[in-house]
Amino acid sequence: MPWIFQLCIITIFLLFGKFFGTLFHLPIPGSVIGMILLLGSLITGLMKLEWIEKAAAFQIKHLTLLFVPLVIGLFLSPNLLPLLDWTFIMVLIVSSLCCLLGTAFSVEWFEKHKKRRSQR
């Protein structure tokens, strides 16, 4: 399946998550709900990993490109610079590292799981 269709599938789950979050007034962001729905559909077998694998790999490969402009823009904003203190900067650094490490461990776990399934 072409990666553009795979990206559309991932986007549909994002939109469903946002819709459910708004509809039921959930305190969880819609993107997280969409990821949970996507994970649930992969675990239950409603959707195959091959349907989104190329687009997901592309997004993970370029994940750092999404974080760098955000952080640089925050630090270079003249209006926000006086508001930044060391606590805020440390929170940004620690939360970014946690996100990147969580993504890395998740990808490693899924790759091992995928290899085990293919060996059966």
Protein backbone atom coordinates (compact mmCIF):
# COMPACT_ATOMS: atom_id res chain seq x y z
CA MET A 1 0.00 0.00 0.00
CA PRO A 2 1.45 3.45 -0.88
CA TRP A 3 2.67 5.41 2.11
CA ILE A 4 0.30 8.32 1.42
CA PHE A 5 -2.68 6.03 2.05
CA GLN A 6 -0.97 4.74 5.17
CA LEU A 7 -0.57 8.31 6.37
CA CYS A 8 -4.28 8.88 5.71
CA ILE A 9 -5.14 5.88 7.90
CA ILE A 10 -3.05 7.28 10.76
CA THR A 11 -4.67 10.70 10.26
CA ILE A 12 -8.14 9.13 10.38
CA PHE A 13 -7.32 7.62 13.78
CA LEU A 14 -6.10 11.04 14.93
CA LEU A 15 -9.36 12.65 13.82
CA PHE A 16 -11.45 9.90 15.47
CA GLY A 17 -9.51 10.46 18.68
CA LYS A 18 -10.13 14.20 18.58
CA PHE A 19 -13.80 13.59 17.80
CA PHE A 20 -14.25 11.18 20.73
CA GLY A 21 -12.34 13.48 23.07
CA THR A 22 -14.58 16.41 22.15
CA LEU A 23 -17.79 14.37 22.12
CA PHE A 24 -17.28 12.85 25.56
CA HIS A 25 -15.42 15.85 27.08
CA LEU A 26 -12.44 13.69 28.00
CA PRO A 27 -9.43 15.26 29.74
CA ILE A 28 -7.10 13.22 27.50
CA PRO A 29 -5.84 14.88 24.28
CA GLY A 30 -7.45 13.61 21.10
CA SER A 31 -4.11 12.57 19.65
CA VAL A 32 -3.54 10.21 22.58
CA ILE A 33 -7.03 8.77 22.22
CA GLY A 34 -6.33 8.24 18.52
CA MET A 35 -3.10 6.40 19.32
CA ILE A 36 -4.94 4.20 21.82
CA LEU A 37 -7.59 3.40 19.20
CA LEU A 38 -4.85 2.62 16.66
CA LEU A 39 -3.03 0.37 19.14
CA GLY A 40 -6.28 -1.39 20.02
CA SER A 41 -7.08 -2.06 16.39
CA LEU A 42 -3.56 -3.43 15.81
CA ILE A 43 -3.70 -5.69 18.88
CA THR A 44 -7.15 -7.05 18.09
CA GLY A 45 -6.21 -7.68 14.47
CA LEU A 46 -8.81 -5.32 12.99
CA MET A 47 -5.93 -3.67 11.21
CA LYS A 48 -2.63 -5.11 10.01
CA LEU A 49 0.68 -3.48 10.79
CA GLU A 50 1.61 -3.57 7.10
CA TRP A 51 -1.20 -1.09 6.42
CA ILE A 52 0.61 1.70 8.29
CA GLU A 53 4.19 0.46 8.61
CA LYS A 54 5.85 2.64 5.93
CA ALA A 55 4.19 5.88 7.06
CA ALA A 56 4.88 5.16 10.73
CA ALA A 57 8.54 4.38 10.01
CA PHE A 58 8.84 7.61 8.02
CA GLN A 59 7.34 9.63 10.88
CA ILE A 60 9.57 8.01 13.49
CA LYS A 61 12.63 8.52 11.30
CA HIS A 62 11.94 12.26 11.09
CA LEU A 63 10.61 12.71 14.63
CA THR A 64 13.51 14.89 15.75
CA LEU A 65 12.79 17.32 12.93
CA LEU A 66 9.43 17.99 14.56
CA PHE A 67 10.94 18.77 17.97
CA VAL A 68 13.87 20.97 16.96
CA PRO A 69 11.91 23.89 15.40
CA LEU A 70 9.55 24.00 18.38
CA VAL A 71 12.34 24.30 20.95
CA ILE A 72 14.40 26.74 18.87
CA GLY A 73 11.35 28.90 18.23
CA LEU A 74 10.60 28.97 21.94
CA PHE A 75 14.11 30.04 22.88
CA LEU A 76 14.37 32.66 20.13
CA SER A 77 11.03 34.30 20.88
CA PRO A 78 11.82 37.72 22.40
CA ASN A 79 8.51 37.88 24.27
CA LEU A 80 9.01 34.55 26.02
CA LEU A 81 12.70 34.88 26.81
CA PRO A 82 12.22 36.85 30.07
CA LEU A 83 9.64 34.29 31.25
CA LEU A 84 12.04 31.36 30.92
CA ASP A 85 13.69 30.27 34.12
CA TRP A 86 15.86 27.25 34.83
CA THR A 87 12.93 25.21 36.09
CA PHE A 88 11.05 25.64 32.84
CA ILE A 89 14.13 24.85 30.77
CA MET A 90 14.79 21.69 32.80
CA VAL A 91 11.17 20.60 32.37
CA LEU A 92 11.52 21.06 28.60
CA ILE A 93 14.74 19.08 28.46
CA VAL A 94 13.55 16.24 30.71
CA SER A 95 10.16 15.92 29.01
CA SER A 96 11.78 15.89 25.55
CA LEU A 97 14.22 13.20 26.64
CA CYS A 98 11.42 11.12 28.18
CA CYS A 99 9.43 11.37 24.97
CA LEU A 100 12.37 10.40 22.79
CA LEU A 101 13.38 7.51 25.08
CA GLY A 102 9.80 6.28 25.30
CA THR A 103 9.57 6.30 21.53
CA ALA A 104 12.90 4.52 21.17
CA PHE A 105 11.98 1.76 23.64
CA SER A 106 8.56 1.34 22.05
CA VAL A 107 10.08 0.95 18.60
CA GLU A 108 12.62 -1.57 19.90
CA TRP A 109 9.87 -3.58 21.61
CA PHE A 110 7.68 -3.60 18.51
CA GLU A 111 10.61 -4.63 16.30
CA LYS A 112 11.42 -7.58 18.60
CA HIS A 113 7.75 -8.54 18.71
CA LYS A 114 7.54 -8.33 14.92
CA LYS A 115 10.59 -10.58 14.49
CA ARG A 116 9.14 -13.16 16.89
CA ARG A 117 5.85 -13.20 15.00
CA SER A 118 7.58 -13.62 11.65
CA GLN A 119 9.67 -16.55 12.94
CA ARG A 120 6.57 -18.54 13.92
